[in-house]
Amino acid sequence: MRKLIIILLLNPFLFFSQEAKFELKSSKNKLIVGEPTELQLKLKVSASTLIDSVSFELSEIGDTMGNNWELWDKGDLKKSSEQGEDGNYEIIYSQKYIIANFDTGQFIFPPCLAVFDSNKIFSNSLIFNVKLEEIDEKSFIKDIKPIEEVTIFWYEYLFFFLKKYGWLIAISLLLIVFLVYLSKKLNKKTIEKKKEPQIPTEIILLDKLLIIENKKYWENSLFKKYYSELSDVLWRFLEYRYQIKTFEKTSGEILESLKWSNIPVHFLTTIERFFSISDGVKFAKYKPLEKDNMTAIKTIRNLIEEERLDLINKDYELGNKNE
């Protein structure tokens, strides 16, 4: 009964050892002292075997080896598949190591260990012969060759210089040509823009007033639209002419700023009246009288026409010429 239990316990390992094959190979077995050689570990298992994790170790105590072996490099664990000689597919796990030995003699590289899931399997061992590099004692010492002068012409220097830095010179020249072209193109556009006549702001705003007047907003009871567009024209002119900020400013703040500007005093009263009616229309739904609507646009038009900078500057230039 005891023998039967032992057989049953060992049966999975016996079965798995038949299913798995772990081998160790080397690219060379005869080495010179310090010469590296490549080891390849390869584990083959049946494709029907389910494995969650696989790892290789060069010995039972990890990658530590005896007999003066040194580990120089360790590759990644790779997985592949192939069809075996019996026609069944196998899963292959492989990993490469580079080792070297700096002692002479014959050395046995111990079996390596493959650990997969809860199973372990050992590979075969390898025998290496390590010896010193052979020196031909019969060969005689030769004299040192005399230094030979080599003549290099200037065009050869130029050839090698262009061969090494030619691409950099070509890119630099192309970049310079492109920058010169771009600079000329931008300068040309700037000159063309300067040649284009600039429409004075006053003309633009007066045209805007004419458009508002032709749309007959207040005649169609669109008082809020009418006073909103008039306010926009007035704000733009005040910013342009007197350099005061009107964006997100209240009517009172704008009037306070105007008091410190050079605007004629009589316009302050008319602008204050306009703001009073405009704020009432926009915020209190006030319905202005016909004369208020006509006075509003007239006030802004008179301000622009009397205070327009384009005519003032033109008169100033003419006066200087006459002098």
C-alpha atoms as a PDB file:
ATOM      1  CA  MET A   1       0.000   0.000   0.000  1.00  0.00           C
ATOM      2  CA  ARG A   2       2.837   2.380   0.886  1.00  0.00           C
ATOM      3  CA  LYS A   3       4.602   1.663  -2.419  1.00  0.00           C
ATOM      4  CA  LEU A   4       1.395   2.404  -4.322  1.00  0.00           C
ATOM      5  CA  ILE A   5       1.035   5.795  -2.603  1.00  0.00           C
ATOM      6  CA  ILE A   6       4.662   6.690  -3.398  1.00  0.00           C
ATOM      7  CA  ILE A   7       4.164   5.726  -7.061  1.00  0.00           C
ATOM      8  CA  LEU A   8       1.003   7.852  -7.260  1.00  0.00           C
ATOM      9  CA  LEU A   9       2.799  10.835  -5.716  1.00  0.00           C
ATOM     10  CA  LEU A  10       5.768  10.555  -8.075  1.00  0.00           C
ATOM     11  CA  ASN A  11       3.635   9.871 -11.134  1.00  0.00           C
ATOM     12  CA  PRO A  12       2.941  13.538 -12.044  1.00  0.00           C
ATOM     13  CA  PHE A  13       6.665  14.354 -11.979  1.00  0.00           C
ATOM     14  CA  LEU A  14       7.498  11.303 -14.052  1.00  0.00           C
ATOM     15  CA  PHE A  15       4.785  12.212 -16.501  1.00  0.00           C
ATOM     16  CA  PHE A  16       5.933  15.827 -16.719  1.00  0.00           C
ATOM     17  CA  SER A  17       9.579  14.887 -17.159  1.00  0.00           C
ATOM     18  CA  GLN A  18       8.513  12.920 -20.229  1.00  0.00           C
ATOM     19  CA  GLU A  19       6.554  15.925 -21.501  1.00  0.00           C
ATOM     20  CA  ALA A  20       9.394  18.487 -20.911  1.00  0.00           C
ATOM     21  CA  LYS A  21      12.966  18.554 -22.190  1.00  0.00           C
ATOM     22  CA  PHE A  22      15.581  21.018 -20.917  1.00  0.00           C
ATOM     23  CA  GLU A  23      18.953  21.207 -22.653  1.00  0.00           C
ATOM     24  CA  LEU A  24      22.117  23.300 -22.437  1.00  0.00           C
ATOM     25  CA  LYS A  25      24.264  24.062 -25.497  1.00  0.00           C
ATOM     26  CA  SER A  26      27.393  26.124 -26.114  1.00  0.00           C
ATOM     27  CA  SER A  27      28.722  27.769 -29.246  1.00  0.00           C
ATOM     28  CA  LYS A  28      32.278  26.566 -28.373  1.00  0.00           C
ATOM     29  CA  ASN A  29      33.764  24.062 -25.954  1.00  0.00           C
ATOM     30  CA  LYS A  30      37.431  24.853 -26.546  1.00  0.00           C
ATOM     31  CA  LEU A  31      38.257  28.327 -25.309  1.00  0.00           C
ATOM     32  CA  ILE A  32      41.202  30.655 -24.832  1.00  0.00           C
ATOM     33  CA  VAL A  33      41.587  32.320 -21.432  1.00  0.00           C
ATOM     34  CA  GLY A  34      39.135  35.237 -21.212  1.00  0.00           C
ATOM     35  CA  GLU A  35      37.387  34.319 -24.450  1.00  0.00           C
ATOM     36  CA  PRO A  36      33.593  34.679 -24.139  1.00  0.00           C
ATOM     37  CA  THR A  37      31.266  31.925 -25.279  1.00  0.00           C
ATOM     38  CA  GLU A  38      27.520  31.803 -25.684  1.00  0.00           C
ATOM     39  CA  LEU A  39      25.316  29.416 -23.722  1.00  0.00           C
ATOM     40  CA  GLN A  40      21.812  28.652 -24.908  1.00  0.00           C
ATOM     41  CA  LEU A  41      19.204  27.188 -22.569  1.00  0.00           C
ATOM     42  CA  LYS A  42      16.169  25.685 -24.239  1.00  0.00           C
ATOM     43  CA  LEU A  43      13.064  24.197 -22.585  1.00  0.00           C
ATOM     44  CA  LYS A  44      10.640  22.236 -24.756  1.00  0.00           C
ATOM     45  CA  VAL A  45       7.169  21.316 -23.513  1.00  0.00           C
ATOM     46  CA  SER A  46       4.101  19.944 -25.211  1.00  0.00           C
ATOM     47  CA  ALA A  47       1.736  22.572 -26.603  1.00  0.00           C
ATOM     48  CA  SER A  48      -1.054  20.984 -24.558  1.00  0.00           C
ATOM     49  CA  THR A  49       0.772  21.729 -21.282  1.00  0.00           C
ATOM     50  CA  LEU A  50      -0.440  24.852 -19.506  1.00  0.00           C
ATOM     51  CA  ILE A  51       2.356  26.898 -17.896  1.00  0.00           C
ATOM     52  CA  ASP A  52       1.875  30.216 -16.103  1.00  0.00           C
ATOM     53  CA  SER A  53       5.488  31.188 -15.368  1.00  0.00           C
ATOM     54  CA  VAL A  54       8.954  30.076 -16.538  1.00  0.00           C
ATOM     55  CA  SER A  55      12.430  31.081 -15.346  1.00  0.00           C
ATOM     56  CA  PHE A  56      15.962  29.761 -15.925  1.00  0.00           C
ATOM     57  CA  GLU A  57      18.848  29.704 -13.444  1.00  0.00           C
ATOM     58  CA  LEU A  58      22.473  28.797 -14.166  1.00  0.00           C
ATOM     59  CA  SER A  59      22.674  26.872 -10.911  1.00  0.00           C
ATOM     60  CA  GLU A  60      20.594  25.974  -7.884  1.00  0.00           C
ATOM     61  CA  ILE A  61      21.781  29.168  -6.184  1.00  0.00           C
ATOM     62  CA  GLY A  62      20.745  31.522  -8.968  1.00  0.00           C
ATOM     63  CA  ASP A  63      23.195  32.840 -11.564  1.00  0.00           C
ATOM     64  CA  THR A  64      26.219  32.264  -9.292  1.00  0.00           C
ATOM     65  CA  MET A  65      28.683  29.777 -10.829  1.00  0.00           C
ATOM     66  CA  GLY A  66      31.805  28.030  -9.578  1.00  0.00           C
ATOM     67  CA  ASN A  67      35.060  27.071 -11.322  1.00  0.00           C
ATOM     68  CA  ASN A  68      35.998  30.742 -11.956  1.00  0.00           C
ATOM     69  CA  TRP A  69      33.181  31.243 -14.453  1.00  0.00           C
ATOM     70  CA  GLU A  70      32.032  34.837 -14.995  1.00  0.00           C
ATOM     71  CA  LEU A  71      28.644  35.895 -16.325  1.00  0.00           C
ATOM     72  CA  TRP A  72      29.074  38.699 -18.869  1.00  0.00           C
ATOM     73  CA  ASP A  73      25.610  39.054 -20.327  1.00  0.00           C
ATOM     74  CA  LYS A  74      22.116  37.670 -19.983  1.00  0.00           C
ATOM     75  CA  GLY A  75      19.485  37.761 -22.724  1.00  0.00           C
ATOM     76  CA  ASP A  76      15.715  37.918 -22.461  1.00  0.00           C
ATOM     77  CA  LEU A  77      13.588  34.816 -22.088  1.00  0.00           C
ATOM     78  CA  LYS A  78      11.892  34.139 -25.427  1.00  0.00           C
ATOM     79  CA  LYS A  79       8.929  31.961 -26.315  1.00  0.00           C
ATOM     80  CA  SER A  80       8.255  30.248 -29.650  1.00  0.00           C
ATOM     81  CA  SER A  81       6.590  27.156 -31.076  1.00  0.00           C
ATOM     82  CA  GLU A  82       7.539  24.479 -33.599  1.00  0.00           C
ATOM     83  CA  GLN A  83       6.394  21.106 -34.818  1.00  0.00           C
ATOM     84  CA  GLY A  84       8.297  18.172 -33.370  1.00  0.00           C
ATOM     85  CA  GLU A  85       9.524  15.072 -35.149  1.00  0.00           C
ATOM     86  CA  ASP A  86       6.407  13.175 -34.059  1.00  0.00           C
ATOM     87  CA  GLY A  87       4.185  15.789 -35.715  1.00  0.00           C
ATOM     88  CA  ASN A  88       3.007  17.302 -32.427  1.00  0.00           C
ATOM     89  CA  TYR A  89       3.545  20.971 -31.668  1.00  0.00           C
ATOM     90  CA  GLU A  90       5.893  22.061 -28.891  1.00  0.00           C
ATOM     91  CA  ILE A  91       6.321  25.305 -26.974  1.00  0.00           C
ATOM     92  CA  ILE A  92       9.973  26.377 -26.722  1.00  0.00           C
ATOM     93  CA  TYR A  93      11.363  28.706 -24.055  1.00  0.00           C
ATOM     94  CA  SER A  94      14.931  29.861 -24.750  1.00  0.00           C
ATOM     95  CA  GLN A  95      17.466  32.211 -23.188  1.00  0.00           C
ATOM     96  CA  LYS A  96      21.069  33.119 -24.025  1.00  0.00           C
ATOM     97  CA  TYR A  97      23.974  33.807 -21.658  1.00  0.00           C
ATOM     98  CA  ILE A  98      27.545  34.994 -22.317  1.00  0.00           C
ATOM     99  CA  ILE A  99      30.194  33.507 -19.982  1.00  0.00           C
ATOM    100  CA  ALA A 100      33.997  33.514 -19.790  1.00  0.00           C
ATOM    101  CA  ASN A 101      36.739  31.893 -17.729  1.00  0.00           C
ATOM    102  CA  PHE A 102      40.165  33.300 -16.825  1.00  0.00           C
ATOM    103  CA  ASP A 103      41.711  30.069 -15.578  1.00  0.00           C
ATOM    104  CA  THR A 104      43.258  27.221 -17.569  1.00  0.00           C
ATOM    105  CA  GLY A 105      42.237  23.604 -17.473  1.00  0.00           C
ATOM    106  CA  GLN A 106      39.194  21.448 -17.991  1.00  0.00           C
ATOM    107  CA  PHE A 107      36.024  22.685 -16.314  1.00  0.00           C
ATOM    108  CA  ILE A 108      32.587  21.194 -15.970  1.00  0.00           C
ATOM    109  CA  PHE A 109      29.734  23.638 -16.301  1.00  0.00           C
ATOM    110  CA  PRO A 110      27.048  22.294 -13.920  1.00  0.00           C
ATOM    111  CA  PRO A 111      23.470  21.534 -14.972  1.00  0.00           C
ATOM    112  CA  CYS A 112      21.181  24.556 -15.198  1.00  0.00           C
ATOM    113  CA  LEU A 113      17.743  24.747 -13.613  1.00  0.00           C
ATOM    114  CA  ALA A 114      14.376  25.500 -15.219  1.00  0.00           C
ATOM    115  CA  VAL A 115      11.534  26.469 -12.895  1.00  0.00           C
ATOM    116  CA  PHE A 116       8.001  26.521 -14.290  1.00  0.00           C
ATOM    117  CA  ASP A 117       5.010  26.859 -12.017  1.00  0.00           C
ATOM    118  CA  SER A 118       5.779  24.473  -9.117  1.00  0.00           C
ATOM    119  CA  ASN A 119       7.996  22.155 -11.203  1.00  0.00           C
ATOM    120  CA  LYS A 120      11.773  21.997 -11.617  1.00  0.00           C
ATOM    121  CA  ILE A 121      13.924  20.280 -14.210  1.00  0.00           C
ATOM    122  CA  PHE A 122      17.716  20.149 -14.683  1.00  0.00           C
ATOM    123  CA  SER A 123      19.612  20.354 -17.962  1.00  0.00           C
ATOM    124  CA  ASN A 124      22.689  18.472 -19.049  1.00  0.00           C
ATOM    125  CA  SER A 125      26.172  19.628 -18.022  1.00  0.00           C
ATOM    126  CA  LEU A 126      28.970  20.756 -20.391  1.00  0.00           C
ATOM    127  CA  ILE A 127      32.735  20.246 -20.397  1.00  0.00           C
ATOM    128  CA  PHE A 128      34.993  23.136 -21.416  1.00  0.00           C
ATOM    129  CA  ASN A 129      38.728  23.132 -22.129  1.00  0.00           C
ATOM    130  CA  VAL A 130      40.350  26.508 -21.424  1.00  0.00           C
ATOM    131  CA  LYS A 131      43.956  27.173 -22.413  1.00  0.00           C
ATOM    132  CA  LEU A 132      46.377  29.995 -23.072  1.00  0.00           C
ATOM    133  CA  GLU A 133      46.775  31.343 -26.567  1.00  0.00           C
ATOM    134  CA  GLU A 134      49.527  29.497 -28.403  1.00  0.00           C
ATOM    135  CA  ILE A 135      52.609  31.504 -29.355  1.00  0.00           C
ATOM    136  CA  ASP A 136      54.833  30.512 -32.232  1.00  0.00           C
ATOM    137  CA  GLU A 137      58.240  30.337 -30.549  1.00  0.00           C
ATOM    138  CA  LYS A 138      59.966  29.849 -33.887  1.00  0.00           C
ATOM    139  CA  SER A 139      58.866  33.212 -35.208  1.00  0.00           C
ATOM    140  CA  PHE A 140      61.524  35.921 -34.865  1.00  0.00           C
ATOM    141  CA  ILE A 141      61.079  39.494 -33.751  1.00  0.00           C
ATOM    142  CA  LYS A 142      60.806  41.811 -36.713  1.00  0.00           C
ATOM    143  CA  ASP A 143      62.206  45.305 -36.898  1.00  0.00           C
ATOM    144  CA  ILE A 144      59.846  48.218 -36.508  1.00  0.00           C
ATOM    145  CA  LYS A 145      58.881  49.623 -39.867  1.00  0.00           C
ATOM    146  CA  PRO A 146      60.165  53.130 -40.547  1.00  0.00           C
ATOM    147  CA  ILE A 147      57.699  56.010 -40.517  1.00  0.00           C
ATOM    148  CA  GLU A 148      56.554  56.777 -44.022  1.00  0.00           C
ATOM    149  CA  GLU A 149      55.624  60.292 -44.997  1.00  0.00           C
ATOM    150  CA  VAL A 150      52.397  60.490 -46.921  1.00  0.00           C
ATOM    151  CA  THR A 151      51.804  63.544 -49.056  1.00  0.00           C
ATOM    152  CA  ILE A 152      48.227  64.828 -48.945  1.00  0.00           C
ATOM    153  CA  PHE A 153      47.253  67.564 -51.386  1.00  0.00           C
ATOM    154  CA  TRP A 154      44.904  70.448 -50.534  1.00  0.00           C
ATOM    155  CA  TYR A 155      42.115  69.109 -52.735  1.00  0.00           C
ATOM    156  CA  GLU A 156      42.268  65.822 -50.812  1.00  0.00           C
ATOM    157  CA  TYR A 157      41.768  67.750 -47.564  1.00  0.00           C
ATOM    158  CA  LEU A 158      38.866  69.558 -49.224  1.00  0.00           C
ATOM    159  CA  PHE A 159      37.378  66.280 -50.417  1.00  0.00           C
ATOM    160  CA  PHE A 160      37.482  64.689 -46.965  1.00  0.00           C
ATOM    161  CA  PHE A 161      36.163  67.885 -45.351  1.00  0.00           C
ATOM    162  CA  LEU A 162      33.211  68.025 -47.755  1.00  0.00           C
ATOM    163  CA  LYS A 163      32.624  64.316 -47.317  1.00  0.00           C
ATOM    164  CA  LYS A 164      32.310  64.788 -43.550  1.00  0.00           C
ATOM    165  CA  TYR A 165      30.635  68.210 -43.345  1.00  0.00           C
ATOM    166  CA  GLY A 166      29.182  68.661 -46.833  1.00  0.00           C
ATOM    167  CA  TRP A 167      25.619  67.850 -45.774  1.00  0.00           C
ATOM    168  CA  LEU A 168      25.852  70.432 -42.972  1.00  0.00           C
ATOM    169  CA  ILE A 169      27.130  73.103 -45.364  1.00  0.00           C
ATOM    170  CA  ALA A 170      24.353  72.281 -47.862  1.00  0.00           C
ATOM    171  CA  ILE A 171      21.648  72.559 -45.188  1.00  0.00           C
ATOM    172  CA  SER A 172      23.127  75.860 -43.955  1.00  0.00           C
ATOM    173  CA  LEU A 173      23.158  77.318 -47.483  1.00  0.00           C
ATOM    174  CA  LEU A 174      19.581  76.217 -48.116  1.00  0.00           C
ATOM    175  CA  LEU A 175      18.518  77.744 -44.801  1.00  0.00           C
ATOM    176  CA  ILE A 176      20.241  81.050 -45.636  1.00  0.00           C
ATOM    177  CA  VAL A 177      18.595  81.154 -49.086  1.00  0.00           C
ATOM    178  CA  PHE A 178      15.201  80.422 -47.536  1.00  0.00           C
ATOM    179  CA  LEU A 179      15.625  83.126 -44.871  1.00  0.00           C
ATOM    180  CA  VAL A 180      16.702  85.704 -47.481  1.00  0.00           C
ATOM    181  CA  TYR A 181      13.724  84.800 -49.659  1.00  0.00           C
ATOM    182  CA  LEU A 182      11.337  84.959 -46.696  1.00  0.00           C
ATOM    183  CA  SER A 183      12.766  88.301 -45.567  1.00  0.00           C
ATOM    184  CA  LYS A 184      12.344  89.841 -49.028  1.00  0.00           C
ATOM    185  CA  LYS A 185       8.813  88.508 -49.295  1.00  0.00           C
ATOM    186  CA  LEU A 186       7.828  89.921 -45.895  1.00  0.00           C
ATOM    187  CA  ASN A 187       9.435  93.286 -46.686  1.00  0.00           C
ATOM    188  CA  LYS A 188       7.568  93.392 -49.981  1.00  0.00           C
ATOM    189  CA  LYS A 189       4.253  92.760 -48.222  1.00  0.00           C
ATOM    190  CA  THR A 190       5.068  95.468 -45.651  1.00  0.00           C
ATOM    191  CA  ILE A 191       5.828  97.997 -48.409  1.00  0.00           C
ATOM    192  CA  GLU A 192       2.621  97.081 -50.233  1.00  0.00           C
ATOM    193  CA  LYS A 193       0.637  97.515 -47.023  1.00  0.00           C
ATOM    194  CA  LYS A 194       2.210 100.920 -46.458  1.00  0.00           C
ATOM    195  CA  LYS A 195       1.272 101.979 -49.985  1.00  0.00           C
ATOM    196  CA  GLU A 196      -2.385 101.088 -49.419  1.00  0.00           C
ATOM    197  CA  PRO A 197      -4.319 104.227 -48.381  1.00  0.00           C
ATOM    198  CA  GLN A 198      -5.598 104.021 -44.830  1.00  0.00           C
ATOM    199  CA  ILE A 199      -9.238 105.010 -44.335  1.00  0.00           C
ATOM    200  CA  PRO A 200      -9.473 107.449 -41.409  1.00  0.00           C
ATOM    201  CA  THR A 201     -11.367 106.183 -38.384  1.00  0.00           C
ATOM    202  CA  GLU A 202     -13.641 109.224 -38.545  1.00  0.00           C
ATOM    203  CA  ILE A 203     -14.794 108.312 -42.065  1.00  0.00           C
ATOM    204  CA  ILE A 204     -15.497 104.726 -40.996  1.00  0.00           C
ATOM    205  CA  LEU A 205     -17.552 105.861 -37.998  1.00  0.00           C
ATOM    206  CA  LEU A 206     -19.491 108.470 -39.999  1.00  0.00           C
ATOM    207  CA  ASP A 207     -20.342 105.778 -42.550  1.00  0.00           C
ATOM    208  CA  LYS A 208     -21.477 103.567 -39.681  1.00  0.00           C
ATOM    209  CA  LEU A 209     -23.821 106.355 -38.475  1.00  0.00           C
ATOM    210  CA  LEU A 210     -25.269 106.649 -41.968  1.00  0.00           C
ATOM    211  CA  ILE A 211     -25.939 102.883 -42.048  1.00  0.00           C
ATOM    212  CA  ILE A 212     -27.667 103.058 -38.643  1.00  0.00           C
ATOM    213  CA  GLU A 213     -29.769 105.986 -39.836  1.00  0.00           C
ATOM    214  CA  ASN A 214     -30.830 104.169 -43.012  1.00  0.00           C
ATOM    215  CA  LYS A 215     -31.932 101.076 -41.070  1.00  0.00           C
ATOM    216  CA  LYS A 216     -34.598 103.184 -39.295  1.00  0.00           C
ATOM    217  CA  TYR A 217     -34.362 101.363 -35.988  1.00  0.00           C
ATOM    218  CA  TRP A 218     -36.232 103.887 -33.849  1.00  0.00           C
ATOM    219  CA  GLU A 219     -38.892 104.406 -36.526  1.00  0.00           C
ATOM    220  CA  ASN A 220     -39.646 100.669 -36.152  1.00  0.00           C
ATOM    221  CA  SER A 221     -39.581 100.850 -32.335  1.00  0.00           C
ATOM    222  CA  LEU A 222     -36.197  99.048 -32.144  1.00  0.00           C
ATOM    223  CA  PHE A 223     -34.943 101.538 -29.568  1.00  0.00           C
ATOM    224  CA  LYS A 224     -32.547  99.172 -27.774  1.00  0.00           C
ATOM    225  CA  LYS A 225     -30.863  98.163 -31.053  1.00  0.00           C
ATOM    226  CA  TYR A 226     -30.663 101.812 -32.116  1.00  0.00           C
ATOM    227  CA  TYR A 227     -29.014 103.079 -28.930  1.00  0.00           C
ATOM    228  CA  SER A 228     -26.706 100.036 -28.641  1.00  0.00           C
ATOM    229  CA  GLU A 229     -25.189 100.671 -32.071  1.00  0.00           C
ATOM    230  CA  LEU A 230     -24.945 104.420 -31.465  1.00  0.00           C
ATOM    231  CA  SER A 231     -23.183 103.743 -28.150  1.00  0.00           C
ATOM    232  CA  ASP A 232     -20.691 101.463 -29.921  1.00  0.00           C
ATOM    233  CA  VAL A 233     -19.816 104.228 -32.415  1.00  0.00           C
ATOM    234  CA  LEU A 234     -19.427 106.779 -29.620  1.00  0.00           C
ATOM    235  CA  TRP A 235     -17.228 104.468 -27.520  1.00  0.00           C
ATOM    236  CA  ARG A 236     -14.941 103.761 -30.478  1.00  0.00           C
ATOM    237  CA  PHE A 237     -14.512 107.451 -31.226  1.00  0.00           C
ATOM    238  CA  LEU A 238     -13.828 108.382 -27.599  1.00  0.00           C
ATOM    239  CA  GLU A 239     -11.141 105.670 -27.324  1.00  0.00           C
ATOM    240  CA  TYR A 240      -9.570 106.702 -30.628  1.00  0.00           C
ATOM    241  CA  ARG A 241      -9.750 110.483 -30.128  1.00  0.00           C
ATOM    242  CA  TYR A 242      -9.173 110.927 -26.394  1.00  0.00           C
ATOM    243  CA  GLN A 243      -7.387 107.644 -25.480  1.00  0.00           C
ATOM    244  CA  ILE A 244      -9.813 106.693 -22.707  1.00  0.00           C
ATOM    245  CA  LYS A 245     -10.902 103.148 -21.948  1.00  0.00           C
ATOM    246  CA  THR A 246     -14.591 102.432 -22.588  1.00  0.00           C
ATOM    247  CA  PHE A 247     -14.614  98.627 -22.542  1.00  0.00           C
ATOM    248  CA  GLU A 248     -16.629  97.328 -19.573  1.00  0.00           C
ATOM    249  CA  LYS A 249     -16.896 100.889 -18.225  1.00  0.00           C
ATOM    250  CA  THR A 250     -20.141 102.460 -16.986  1.00  0.00           C
ATOM    251  CA  SER A 251     -21.444 105.689 -18.480  1.00  0.00           C
ATOM    252  CA  GLY A 252     -20.491 107.523 -15.291  1.00  0.00           C
ATOM    253  CA  GLU A 253     -16.909 106.215 -15.428  1.00  0.00           C
ATOM    254  CA  ILE A 254     -16.572 107.264 -19.082  1.00  0.00           C
ATOM    255  CA  LEU A 255     -17.886 110.767 -18.314  1.00  0.00           C
ATOM    256  CA  GLU A 256     -15.475 111.075 -15.398  1.00  0.00           C
ATOM    257  CA  SER A 257     -12.559 110.167 -17.701  1.00  0.00           C
ATOM    258  CA  LEU A 258     -13.733 112.689 -20.322  1.00  0.00           C
ATOM    259  CA  LYS A 259     -13.564 115.505 -17.781  1.00  0.00           C
ATOM    260  CA  TRP A 260      -9.784 115.044 -17.714  1.00  0.00           C
ATOM    261  CA  SER A 261      -9.451 115.008 -21.510  1.00  0.00           C
ATOM    262  CA  ASN A 262      -9.281 117.901 -23.997  1.00  0.00           C
ATOM    263  CA  ILE A 263     -12.862 117.433 -25.235  1.00  0.00           C
ATOM    264  CA  PRO A 264     -14.779 120.728 -25.609  1.00  0.00           C
ATOM    265  CA  VAL A 265     -16.919 121.424 -22.535  1.00  0.00           C
ATOM    266  CA  HIS A 266     -20.198 121.840 -24.433  1.00  0.00           C
ATOM    267  CA  PHE A 267     -19.954 118.209 -25.634  1.00  0.00           C
ATOM    268  CA  LEU A 268     -19.851 116.886 -22.071  1.00  0.00           C
ATOM    269  CA  THR A 269     -23.448 118.013 -21.479  1.00  0.00           C
ATOM    270  CA  THR A 270     -24.780 116.493 -24.710  1.00  0.00           C
ATOM    271  CA  ILE A 271     -22.890 113.204 -24.160  1.00  0.00           C
ATOM    272  CA  GLU A 272     -24.173 112.999 -20.586  1.00  0.00           C
ATOM    273  CA  ARG A 273     -27.735 113.482 -21.931  1.00  0.00           C
ATOM    274  CA  PHE A 274     -27.143 110.746 -24.531  1.00  0.00           C
ATOM    275  CA  PHE A 275     -25.848 108.277 -21.913  1.00  0.00           C
ATOM    276  CA  SER A 276     -28.835 109.002 -19.675  1.00  0.00           C
ATOM    277  CA  ILE A 277     -31.360 108.187 -22.414  1.00  0.00           C
ATOM    278  CA  SER A 278     -29.283 105.229 -23.718  1.00  0.00           C
ATOM    279  CA  ASP A 279     -29.010 103.590 -20.282  1.00  0.00           C
ATOM    280  CA  GLY A 280     -32.739 104.100 -19.714  1.00  0.00           C
ATOM    281  CA  VAL A 281     -33.557 102.399 -23.023  1.00  0.00           C
ATOM    282  CA  LYS A 282     -31.135  99.490 -22.551  1.00  0.00           C
ATOM    283  CA  PHE A 283     -31.716  98.767 -18.872  1.00  0.00           C
ATOM    284  CA  ALA A 284     -35.085 100.302 -17.895  1.00  0.00           C
ATOM    285  CA  LYS A 285     -37.059  99.797 -21.133  1.00  0.00           C
ATOM    286  CA  TYR A 286     -37.499 103.572 -21.446  1.00  0.00           C
ATOM    287  CA  LYS A 287     -39.232 104.718 -24.650  1.00  0.00           C
ATOM    288  CA  PRO A 288     -37.525 107.896 -25.856  1.00  0.00           C
ATOM    289  CA  LEU A 289     -39.231 110.723 -27.703  1.00  0.00           C
ATOM    290  CA  GLU A 290     -38.743 111.318 -31.411  1.00  0.00           C
ATOM    291  CA  LYS A 291     -36.665 114.445 -30.802  1.00  0.00           C
ATOM    292  CA  ASP A 292     -34.423 112.459 -28.398  1.00  0.00           C
ATOM    293  CA  ASN A 293     -33.766 109.846 -31.082  1.00  0.00           C
ATOM    294  CA  MET A 294     -32.879 112.479 -33.667  1.00  0.00           C
ATOM    295  CA  THR A 295     -30.724 114.424 -31.208  1.00  0.00           C
ATOM    296  CA  ALA A 296     -28.788 111.264 -30.227  1.00  0.00           C
ATOM    297  CA  ILE A 297     -27.372 110.568 -33.684  1.00  0.00           C
ATOM    298  CA  LYS A 298     -26.897 114.284 -34.359  1.00  0.00           C
ATOM    299  CA  THR A 299     -24.850 114.663 -31.152  1.00  0.00           C
ATOM    300  CA  ILE A 300     -22.449 111.859 -32.112  1.00  0.00           C
ATOM    301  CA  ARG A 301     -22.141 113.069 -35.713  1.00  0.00           C
ATOM    302  CA  ASN A 302     -21.358 116.638 -34.628  1.00  0.00           C
ATOM    303  CA  LEU A 303     -18.737 115.380 -32.154  1.00  0.00           C
ATOM    304  CA  ILE A 304     -16.952 113.319 -34.820  1.00  0.00           C
ATOM    305  CA  GLU A 305     -17.094 116.046 -37.477  1.00  0.00           C
ATOM    306  CA  GLU A 306     -15.832 118.801 -35.163  1.00  0.00           C
ATOM    307  CA  GLU A 307     -13.174 116.714 -33.397  1.00  0.00           C
ATOM    308  CA  ARG A 308     -11.911 114.525 -36.247  1.00  0.00           C
ATOM    309  CA  LEU A 309      -8.148 114.139 -36.083  1.00  0.00           C
ATOM    310  CA  ASP A 310      -7.629 113.516 -39.791  1.00  0.00           C
ATOM    311  CA  LEU A 311      -8.627 117.088 -40.666  1.00  0.00           C
ATOM    312  CA  ILE A 312      -6.818 118.602 -37.682  1.00  0.00           C
ATOM    313  CA  ASN A 313      -3.568 116.817 -38.647  1.00  0.00           C
ATOM    314  CA  LYS A 314      -4.018 117.810 -42.284  1.00  0.00           C
ATOM    315  CA  ASP A 315      -4.493 121.485 -41.380  1.00  0.00           C
ATOM    316  CA  TYR A 316      -1.429 121.298 -39.141  1.00  0.00           C
ATOM    317  CA  GLU A 317       0.706 119.858 -41.966  1.00  0.00           C
ATOM    318  CA  LEU A 318      -0.522 122.513 -44.413  1.00  0.00           C
ATOM    319  CA  GLY A 319       0.286 125.255 -41.885  1.00  0.00           C
ATOM    320  CA  ASN A 320       3.835 123.970 -41.488  1.00  0.00           C
ATOM    321  CA  LYS A 321       4.328 123.912 -45.257  1.00  0.00           C
ATOM    322  CA  ASN A 322       3.094 127.508 -45.628  1.00  0.00           C
ATOM    323  CA  GLU A 323       5.492 128.653 -42.943  1.00  0.00           C
END
